[in-house]
N, C-alpha and C. Protein backbone atom coordinates (compact mmCIF):
# COMPACT_ATOMS: atom_id res chain seq x y z
N MET A 1 -17.31 -11.42 15.78
CA MET A 1 -16.38 -11.34 15.17
C MET A 1 -15.84 -11.61 14.19
N ARG A 2 -15.22 -10.53 13.29
CA ARG A 2 -15.05 -10.16 11.77
C ARG A 2 -13.78 -11.62 11.19
N PRO A 3 -13.95 -12.67 10.25
CA PRO A 3 -13.09 -13.44 9.87
C PRO A 3 -12.01 -13.01 9.32
N PHE A 4 -12.56 -11.56 9.00
CA PHE A 4 -10.71 -11.12 8.59
C PHE A 4 -10.77 -10.04 8.78
N ASP A 5 -10.04 -9.92 10.29
CA ASP A 5 -9.06 -8.08 10.25
C ASP A 5 -8.34 -7.35 10.05
N ASP A 6 -7.60 -6.30 10.28
CA ASP A 6 -6.67 -6.05 9.67
C ASP A 6 -5.44 -5.98 9.40
N THR A 7 -5.68 -6.70 10.67
CA THR A 7 -3.84 -7.70 10.93
C THR A 7 -3.89 -8.62 10.07
N TYR A 8 -5.10 -9.74 9.59
CA TYR A 8 -5.27 -11.18 8.65
C TYR A 8 -4.60 -9.74 7.21
N PHE A 9 -5.72 -8.72 7.21
CA PHE A 9 -4.81 -8.32 5.48
C PHE A 9 -3.58 -7.29 5.52
N MET A 10 -3.19 -7.18 6.46
CA MET A 10 -1.45 -6.54 6.51
C MET A 10 -0.42 -7.63 6.34
N LYS A 11 -1.26 -8.81 6.85
CA LYS A 11 -0.18 -10.00 6.23
C LYS A 11 -0.11 -10.62 4.88
N MET A 12 -0.81 -9.64 4.40
CA MET A 12 -0.98 -10.60 3.40
C MET A 12 -0.21 -9.78 1.88
N ALA A 13 -0.15 -8.03 2.67
CA ALA A 13 0.34 -7.39 2.59
C ALA A 13 1.68 -7.12 2.73
N LEU A 14 1.66 -7.86 3.48
CA LEU A 14 2.81 -8.03 3.67
C LEU A 14 4.11 -8.90 2.96
N ALA A 15 3.01 -10.60 2.58
CA ALA A 15 3.15 -11.85 1.70
C ALA A 15 4.03 -10.58 0.65
N GLU A 16 2.94 -9.76 -0.30
CA GLU A 16 3.24 -9.21 -1.54
C GLU A 16 4.96 -8.56 -1.84
N ALA A 17 5.44 -7.73 -0.54
CA ALA A 17 6.16 -7.12 -0.01
C ALA A 17 7.39 -8.25 0.16
N ALA A 18 7.54 -8.60 0.33
CA ALA A 18 8.34 -10.01 1.08
C ALA A 18 8.79 -11.01 -1.04
N LEU A 19 7.62 -10.19 -1.87
CA LEU A 19 7.91 -10.36 -3.41
C LEU A 19 9.09 -10.40 -3.87
N ALA A 20 8.41 -9.04 -3.39
CA ALA A 20 8.96 -7.69 -3.89
C ALA A 20 10.98 -7.11 -3.45
N ALA A 21 10.86 -8.12 -2.36
CA ALA A 21 12.15 -8.38 -1.66
C ALA A 21 13.11 -9.24 -2.46
N GLY A 22 12.18 -10.61 -2.76
CA GLY A 22 13.18 -11.91 -3.47
C GLY A 22 13.79 -11.38 -4.39
N GLU A 23 12.67 -9.84 -5.65
CA GLU A 23 12.76 -9.31 -6.43
C GLU A 23 13.77 -8.66 -7.00
N GLY A 24 14.12 -7.96 -6.08
CA GLY A 24 15.23 -6.86 -5.67
C GLY A 24 14.84 -5.53 -5.69
N GLU A 25 13.17 -6.00 -5.23
CA GLU A 25 12.79 -4.60 -5.80
C GLU A 25 12.54 -4.10 -4.48
N THR A 26 12.29 -2.74 -3.92
CA THR A 26 11.82 -2.04 -1.85
C THR A 26 10.52 -2.79 -1.76
N PRO A 27 10.85 -3.48 -0.18
CA PRO A 27 9.60 -4.19 -0.44
C PRO A 27 8.68 -3.60 -0.20
N VAL A 28 8.14 -3.75 -1.06
CA VAL A 28 6.32 -2.63 -0.22
C VAL A 28 5.36 -3.48 -0.96
N GLY A 29 4.67 -3.75 -0.07
CA GLY A 29 3.38 -4.74 -0.44
C GLY A 29 2.02 -3.83 0.04
N ALA A 30 0.68 -3.91 -0.77
CA ALA A 30 -0.40 -3.25 -0.58
C ALA A 30 -1.54 -4.42 -1.34
N VAL A 31 -2.34 -4.83 -0.57
CA VAL A 31 -3.89 -5.13 -0.86
C VAL A 31 -5.08 -4.11 -0.98
N LEU A 32 -5.56 -4.74 -2.19
CA LEU A 32 -7.31 -3.17 -1.90
C LEU A 32 -8.16 -4.45 -1.83
N VAL A 33 -9.11 -4.29 -1.05
CA VAL A 33 -9.84 -5.23 -0.39
C VAL A 33 -12.04 -4.05 -0.33
N CYS A 34 -12.42 -5.32 -0.88
CA CYS A 34 -14.26 -4.93 -0.59
C CYS A 34 -14.82 -5.24 -0.13
N ASN A 35 -15.45 -5.25 0.75
CA ASN A 35 -16.87 -5.79 1.23
C ASN A 35 -16.00 -7.72 2.14
N ASP A 36 -14.97 -7.54 2.68
CA ASP A 36 -13.99 -8.45 3.13
C ASP A 36 -13.08 -9.52 2.16
N GLY A 37 -12.90 -9.02 1.40
CA GLY A 37 -12.10 -10.06 0.07
C GLY A 37 -11.62 -9.08 -1.03
N ILE A 38 -10.37 -9.51 -0.71
CA ILE A 38 -8.78 -8.76 -1.81
C ILE A 38 -9.66 -8.77 -3.71
N ILE A 39 -9.43 -7.77 -3.99
CA ILE A 39 -9.71 -7.71 -5.27
C ILE A 39 -8.40 -6.99 -5.66
N ALA A 40 -6.98 -6.39 -4.85
CA ALA A 40 -5.70 -6.46 -5.90
C ALA A 40 -5.09 -6.63 -4.67
N ARG A 41 -3.66 -7.54 -5.07
CA ARG A 41 -2.42 -7.32 -4.79
C ARG A 41 -1.70 -6.72 -5.61
N ALA A 42 -0.61 -6.00 -5.08
CA ALA A 42 0.47 -5.56 -5.74
C ALA A 42 1.92 -5.85 -5.04
N HIS A 43 2.78 -5.91 -5.59
CA HIS A 43 3.84 -5.03 -4.78
C HIS A 43 4.81 -4.21 -5.77
N ASN A 44 5.78 -3.74 -5.45
CA ASN A 44 6.53 -2.55 -5.82
C ASN A 44 7.13 -3.04 -7.01
N GLN A 45 7.69 -2.57 -8.33
CA GLN A 45 7.42 -3.51 -9.67
C GLN A 45 8.54 -2.06 -10.76
N THR A 46 9.21 -1.06 -9.24
CA THR A 46 9.03 -0.26 -10.11
C THR A 46 11.61 0.04 -11.50
N GLU A 47 11.68 -2.14 -10.71
CA GLU A 47 13.11 -1.83 -11.25
C GLU A 47 12.53 -2.75 -12.71
N ARG A 48 11.97 -4.09 -12.18
CA ARG A 48 10.95 -4.46 -13.49
C ARG A 48 11.11 -4.43 -14.10
N LEU A 49 9.92 -3.24 -14.42
CA LEU A 49 9.13 -2.12 -15.83
C LEU A 49 10.24 -0.57 -15.78
N ASN A 50 11.11 -0.91 -14.79
CA ASN A 50 11.70 0.27 -15.43
C ASN A 50 10.61 1.76 -15.30
N ASP A 51 9.67 1.52 -14.63
CA ASP A 51 9.14 2.77 -13.78
C ASP A 51 8.75 3.72 -12.76
N PRO A 52 9.85 4.96 -12.98
CA PRO A 52 9.39 5.32 -11.28
C PRO A 52 8.00 5.41 -10.67
N THR A 53 6.95 4.71 -11.95
CA THR A 53 5.42 5.55 -10.77
C THR A 53 4.99 3.65 -10.19
N ALA A 54 5.33 2.96 -10.80
CA ALA A 54 5.21 1.19 -10.33
C ALA A 54 4.90 1.17 -9.33
N HIS A 55 4.94 1.73 -8.19
CA HIS A 55 4.75 1.68 -7.17
C HIS A 55 3.85 0.64 -6.84
N ALA A 56 3.83 -0.39 -5.58
CA ALA A 56 2.66 -1.21 -4.77
C ALA A 56 1.00 -0.50 -4.72
N GLU A 57 0.87 1.13 -4.59
CA GLU A 57 -0.35 1.12 -4.68
C GLU A 57 -0.65 1.44 -5.53
N MET A 58 0.03 2.48 -6.66
CA MET A 58 -0.28 2.31 -7.88
C MET A 58 -0.90 1.35 -8.57
N LEU A 59 -0.22 -0.07 -8.58
CA LEU A 59 -0.55 -0.96 -9.60
C LEU A 59 -1.49 -1.77 -8.72
N ALA A 60 -1.48 -1.58 -7.31
CA ALA A 60 -2.95 -2.25 -6.95
C ALA A 60 -4.63 -1.68 -7.40
N ILE A 61 -4.59 -0.21 -7.00
CA ILE A 61 -5.40 1.09 -7.70
C ILE A 61 -6.18 0.25 -9.21
N THR A 62 -5.29 0.86 -10.02
CA THR A 62 -5.13 -0.16 -11.57
C THR A 62 -5.77 -1.46 -12.19
N SER A 63 -5.20 -2.35 -11.17
CA SER A 63 -6.18 -3.88 -10.47
C SER A 63 -7.10 -3.53 -10.22
N ALA A 64 -7.45 -3.32 -9.24
CA ALA A 64 -9.13 -2.99 -9.07
C ALA A 64 -10.01 -2.12 -10.17
N THR A 65 -9.01 -0.70 -10.07
CA THR A 65 -10.23 -0.48 -10.50
C THR A 65 -10.45 -0.80 -12.15
N ASN A 66 -9.36 -1.27 -13.19
CA ASN A 66 -9.96 -2.33 -13.82
C ASN A 66 -11.01 -3.34 -13.55
N LEU A 67 -10.76 -3.87 -12.50
CA LEU A 67 -11.69 -4.84 -11.84
C LEU A 67 -13.05 -4.99 -12.15
N LEU A 68 -13.90 -3.79 -11.74
CA LEU A 68 -14.87 -3.29 -10.92
C LEU A 68 -14.99 -2.65 -12.39
N GLY A 69 -14.32 -2.29 -13.00
CA GLY A 69 -14.71 -1.10 -14.08
C GLY A 69 -15.32 0.21 -13.82
N ALA A 70 -14.54 0.61 -12.16
CA ALA A 70 -15.38 2.10 -12.85
C ALA A 70 -13.61 2.67 -11.77
N LYS A 71 -13.44 4.15 -11.85
CA LYS A 71 -12.41 4.58 -11.01
C LYS A 71 -12.95 4.86 -10.00
N TYR A 72 -13.95 5.20 -8.71
CA TYR A 72 -14.01 5.07 -8.01
C TYR A 72 -13.58 4.15 -7.19
N LEU A 73 -13.18 3.97 -6.54
CA LEU A 73 -13.14 2.81 -4.91
C LEU A 73 -13.36 3.10 -3.91
N THR A 74 -14.36 3.76 -3.36
CA THR A 74 -15.37 4.00 -2.39
C THR A 74 -15.43 3.70 -1.68
N GLY A 75 -15.92 2.30 -1.84
CA GLY A 75 -16.29 1.66 -1.13
C GLY A 75 -15.03 0.45 -0.60
N CYS A 76 -13.69 1.09 -1.03
CA CYS A 76 -12.68 -0.70 -0.69
C CYS A 76 -12.09 0.50 0.31
N ALA A 77 -10.79 -0.47 0.94
CA ALA A 77 -9.49 -0.13 1.94
C ALA A 77 -8.54 -0.97 1.91
N LEU A 78 -7.49 0.48 1.02
CA LEU A 78 -6.37 -0.61 0.30
C LEU A 78 -4.85 -0.45 2.17
N TYR A 79 -4.31 -1.65 1.83
CA TYR A 79 -3.67 -2.15 3.23
C TYR A 79 -2.39 -1.86 2.53
N VAL A 80 -0.97 -1.38 2.76
CA VAL A 80 -0.12 -1.15 2.55
C VAL A 80 1.25 -0.86 3.77
N THR A 81 1.90 -2.05 3.28
CA THR A 81 2.98 -2.52 4.33
C THR A 81 3.58 -0.64 4.79
N VAL A 82 4.18 0.15 4.23
CA VAL A 82 4.87 1.26 4.65
C VAL A 82 4.07 2.94 3.89
N GLU A 83 3.41 3.85 4.56
CA GLU A 83 3.15 4.79 4.35
C GLU A 83 3.28 5.08 2.93
N PRO A 84 2.46 5.81 2.13
CA PRO A 84 2.48 5.63 0.32
C PRO A 84 3.17 7.25 0.01
N CYS A 85 3.70 7.52 -0.29
CA CYS A 85 4.40 9.12 -1.13
C CYS A 85 3.36 9.81 -1.34
N VAL A 86 3.84 11.20 -1.81
CA VAL A 86 2.85 12.01 -2.23
C VAL A 86 2.16 11.63 -3.75
N MET A 87 2.82 10.98 -4.00
CA MET A 87 2.53 10.11 -5.86
C MET A 87 1.54 9.34 -5.75
N CYS A 88 1.50 8.26 -4.68
CA CYS A 88 0.46 7.47 -4.38
C CYS A 88 -0.76 8.05 -3.28
N ALA A 89 -0.31 9.07 -2.86
CA ALA A 89 -1.33 9.74 -1.88
C ALA A 89 -2.47 10.55 -3.01
N GLY A 90 -1.60 10.36 -4.06
CA GLY A 90 -2.81 11.83 -4.65
C GLY A 90 -3.80 10.34 -5.58
N ALA A 91 -2.92 9.41 -5.79
CA ALA A 91 -3.45 8.22 -7.07
C ALA A 91 -5.22 8.07 -5.61
N ILE A 92 -4.47 7.61 -4.83
CA ILE A 92 -5.79 7.06 -3.77
C ILE A 92 -6.86 8.26 -3.47
N ALA A 93 -6.81 9.21 -3.43
CA ALA A 93 -7.21 10.97 -3.79
C ALA A 93 -8.09 10.82 -4.54
N TRP A 94 -7.64 10.46 -5.93
CA TRP A 94 -8.10 11.13 -6.83
C TRP A 94 -8.39 9.60 -6.90
N ALA A 95 -8.55 8.51 -6.70
CA ALA A 95 -9.57 6.62 -6.86
C ALA A 95 -10.60 6.97 -5.57
N GLN A 96 -10.55 7.93 -4.92
CA GLN A 96 -11.40 7.77 -3.45
C GLN A 96 -11.67 7.27 -2.18
N VAL A 97 -10.35 5.75 -2.31
CA VAL A 97 -10.28 5.01 -1.29
C VAL A 97 -11.01 5.54 -0.35
N ARG A 98 -11.77 5.20 0.08
CA ARG A 98 -12.68 4.96 2.00
C ARG A 98 -11.18 5.03 3.10
N THR A 99 -10.82 4.06 2.54
CA THR A 99 -9.87 3.89 4.30
C THR A 99 -8.88 3.02 3.56
N LEU A 100 -7.22 4.45 4.24
CA LEU A 100 -6.42 4.01 4.17
C LEU A 100 -5.30 3.08 5.41
N ILE A 101 -4.91 1.84 5.18
CA ILE A 101 -4.69 0.85 6.58
C ILE A 101 -3.05 0.83 5.64
N TYR A 102 -1.70 1.72 6.60
CA TYR A 102 -0.23 1.62 6.35
C TYR A 102 -0.02 1.11 8.24
N GLY A 103 1.73 0.33 7.78
CA GLY A 103 2.08 -0.81 8.50
C GLY A 103 3.28 0.84 9.32
N ALA A 104 3.95 0.66 8.62
CA ALA A 104 5.57 1.56 8.88
C ALA A 104 5.28 3.47 8.52
N PRO A 105 5.75 4.07 9.44
CA PRO A 105 5.84 5.22 8.90
C PRO A 105 6.79 5.62 7.55
N ASP A 106 7.01 5.95 7.10
CA ASP A 106 8.23 6.51 6.12
C ASP A 106 8.70 7.70 5.90
N LEU A 107 9.36 8.14 7.65
CA LEU A 107 9.97 9.52 7.83
C LEU A 107 10.55 10.45 6.35
N LYS A 108 10.99 9.33 5.87
CA LYS A 108 11.64 10.12 4.00
C LYS A 108 10.77 10.61 3.29
N ARG A 109 9.96 9.67 2.82
CA ARG A 109 9.34 9.82 2.11
C ARG A 109 7.69 9.55 1.72
N GLY A 110 6.79 10.38 2.60
CA GLY A 110 6.00 9.75 2.65
C GLY A 110 4.77 10.61 3.07
N PHE A 111 3.78 10.69 2.46
CA PHE A 111 3.38 11.76 2.67
C PHE A 111 3.20 12.51 3.38
N ARG A 112 2.77 12.40 4.61
CA ARG A 112 2.25 12.47 6.03
C ARG A 112 3.03 13.89 6.23
N LYS A 113 5.02 13.94 5.65
CA LYS A 113 5.95 14.62 6.23
C LYS A 113 5.50 15.89 4.67
N TYR A 114 5.29 15.56 3.38
CA TYR A 114 5.36 16.89 2.77
C TYR A 114 4.11 16.81 2.07
N ALA A 115 3.10 16.23 2.03
CA ALA A 115 1.92 16.57 1.85
C ALA A 115 0.57 16.47 2.44
N PRO A 116 0.30 16.67 4.38
CA PRO A 116 -0.40 16.05 4.83
C PRO A 116 -1.94 16.23 4.60
N LEU A 117 -2.29 17.07 3.44
CA LEU A 117 -3.50 17.07 3.43
C LEU A 117 -4.14 16.44 1.62
N SER A 118 -3.43 15.57 1.03
CA SER A 118 -3.07 15.15 -0.19
C SER A 118 -4.62 14.30 -0.59
N LEU A 119 -4.85 13.23 1.24
CA LEU A 119 -5.68 12.59 0.94
C LEU A 119 -6.75 12.87 0.61
N HIS A 120 -8.72 12.17 -0.17
CA HIS A 120 -9.57 12.22 -0.24
C HIS A 120 -10.03 13.12 1.37
N PRO A 121 -10.80 14.02 1.26
CA PRO A 121 -10.78 14.78 2.75
C PRO A 121 -12.02 13.41 3.68
N LYS A 122 -12.48 12.71 2.61
CA LYS A 122 -13.48 11.38 3.63
C LYS A 122 -12.58 10.16 4.10
N THR A 123 -11.35 10.00 3.09
CA THR A 123 -10.70 8.95 3.89
C THR A 123 -10.55 8.78 4.90
N ILE A 124 -10.37 7.78 5.43
CA ILE A 124 -9.68 7.60 6.47
C ILE A 124 -8.73 6.78 6.53
N VAL A 125 -7.99 7.20 8.07
CA VAL A 125 -6.57 6.53 8.13
C VAL A 125 -5.70 5.92 9.19
N LYS A 126 -5.49 4.68 9.01
CA LYS A 126 -5.30 3.55 9.78
C LYS A 126 -3.64 3.40 10.00
N SER A 127 -2.53 3.83 10.71
CA SER A 127 -1.51 3.95 10.79
C SER A 127 -0.70 2.90 12.01
N GLY A 128 0.56 1.99 11.97
CA GLY A 128 1.01 1.57 12.85
C GLY A 128 0.98 0.05 13.07
N VAL A 129 -0.59 -1.03 12.04
CA VAL A 129 -0.23 -1.94 11.70
C VAL A 129 0.38 -2.73 11.75
N MET A 130 0.46 -3.54 12.16
CA MET A 130 1.96 -4.42 12.58
C MET A 130 2.99 -4.30 12.15
N GLU A 131 3.18 -2.32 12.53
CA GLU A 131 4.47 -1.33 12.16
C GLU A 131 5.51 -2.34 12.66
N GLU A 132 5.57 -2.69 13.49
CA GLU A 132 7.69 -3.38 13.88
C GLU A 132 7.31 -4.56 12.75
N GLU A 133 6.93 -5.30 12.29
CA GLU A 133 6.88 -6.09 11.23
C GLU A 133 7.17 -5.69 9.72
N CYS A 134 6.40 -4.73 9.23
CA CYS A 134 6.81 -3.65 7.61
C CYS A 134 7.93 -2.64 8.67
N ALA A 135 7.95 -2.54 8.77
CA ALA A 135 9.83 -1.94 9.22
C ALA A 135 10.62 -2.50 8.96
N GLY A 136 10.57 -3.99 9.70
CA GLY A 136 11.85 -4.78 10.10
C GLY A 136 11.94 -5.59 8.57
N LEU A 137 11.06 -5.41 7.93
CA LEU A 137 10.97 -6.08 6.46
C LEU A 137 12.23 -4.87 5.86
N MET A 138 11.89 -3.51 5.48
CA MET A 138 12.12 -2.70 4.83
C MET A 138 13.96 -2.34 5.76
N THR A 139 13.88 -2.38 7.23
CA THR A 139 15.28 -2.38 7.34
C THR A 139 16.26 -3.72 7.15
N ALA A 140 15.39 -5.13 7.37
CA ALA A 140 16.36 -6.34 6.92
C ALA A 140 17.11 -5.49 4.99
N PHE A 141 15.74 -5.05 4.08
CA PHE A 141 16.15 -5.52 2.54
C PHE A 141 17.07 -4.49 2.34
N PHE A 142 17.09 -3.46 2.93
CA PHE A 142 18.45 -1.67 2.95
C PHE A 142 19.39 -2.29 3.56
N ARG A 143 19.34 -3.37 5.21
CA ARG A 143 21.14 -3.34 5.36
C ARG A 143 21.51 -4.27 4.45
N SER A 144 20.99 -5.43 3.51
CA SER A 144 21.22 -6.52 2.63
C SER A 144 22.31 -5.39 1.34
N LEU A 145 21.64 -4.60 1.35
CA LEU A 145 22.06 -3.34 0.12
C LEU A 145 23.82 -3.50 0.42
N ARG A 146 23.70 -3.16 1.78
CA ARG A 146 25.05 -2.35 2.06
C ARG A 146 26.19 -3.45 2.03
């Protein structure tokens, strides 16, 4: 039995997403995991940084590559609460992330709609991990804006 599983790491990504919501950011959170340990965590900061590329996935990848001193994350898994956009999928591909695990699909802007072949060919994709919780956080956030 693994002490840390997909649910555990997605809960950590959800905690990051909750931080984003608390800051008025779109509530997306991400954690990068290597050898069952979190090496990077991030949440959307596009408003705070006034940067449309400051997505949780991009920030987590940058943090992890800086920590490891390498541009490839071939032994790592990225947990993200919502399906990555095309930009983030490209970064995931360039970083050669081994496994992408996401919670809720993004039917409007997700990479699977616009660029389903954008990930590295060896990247393993798992979706639907804690999907209801991940989607619920997004729904609640956008409902509060209306």
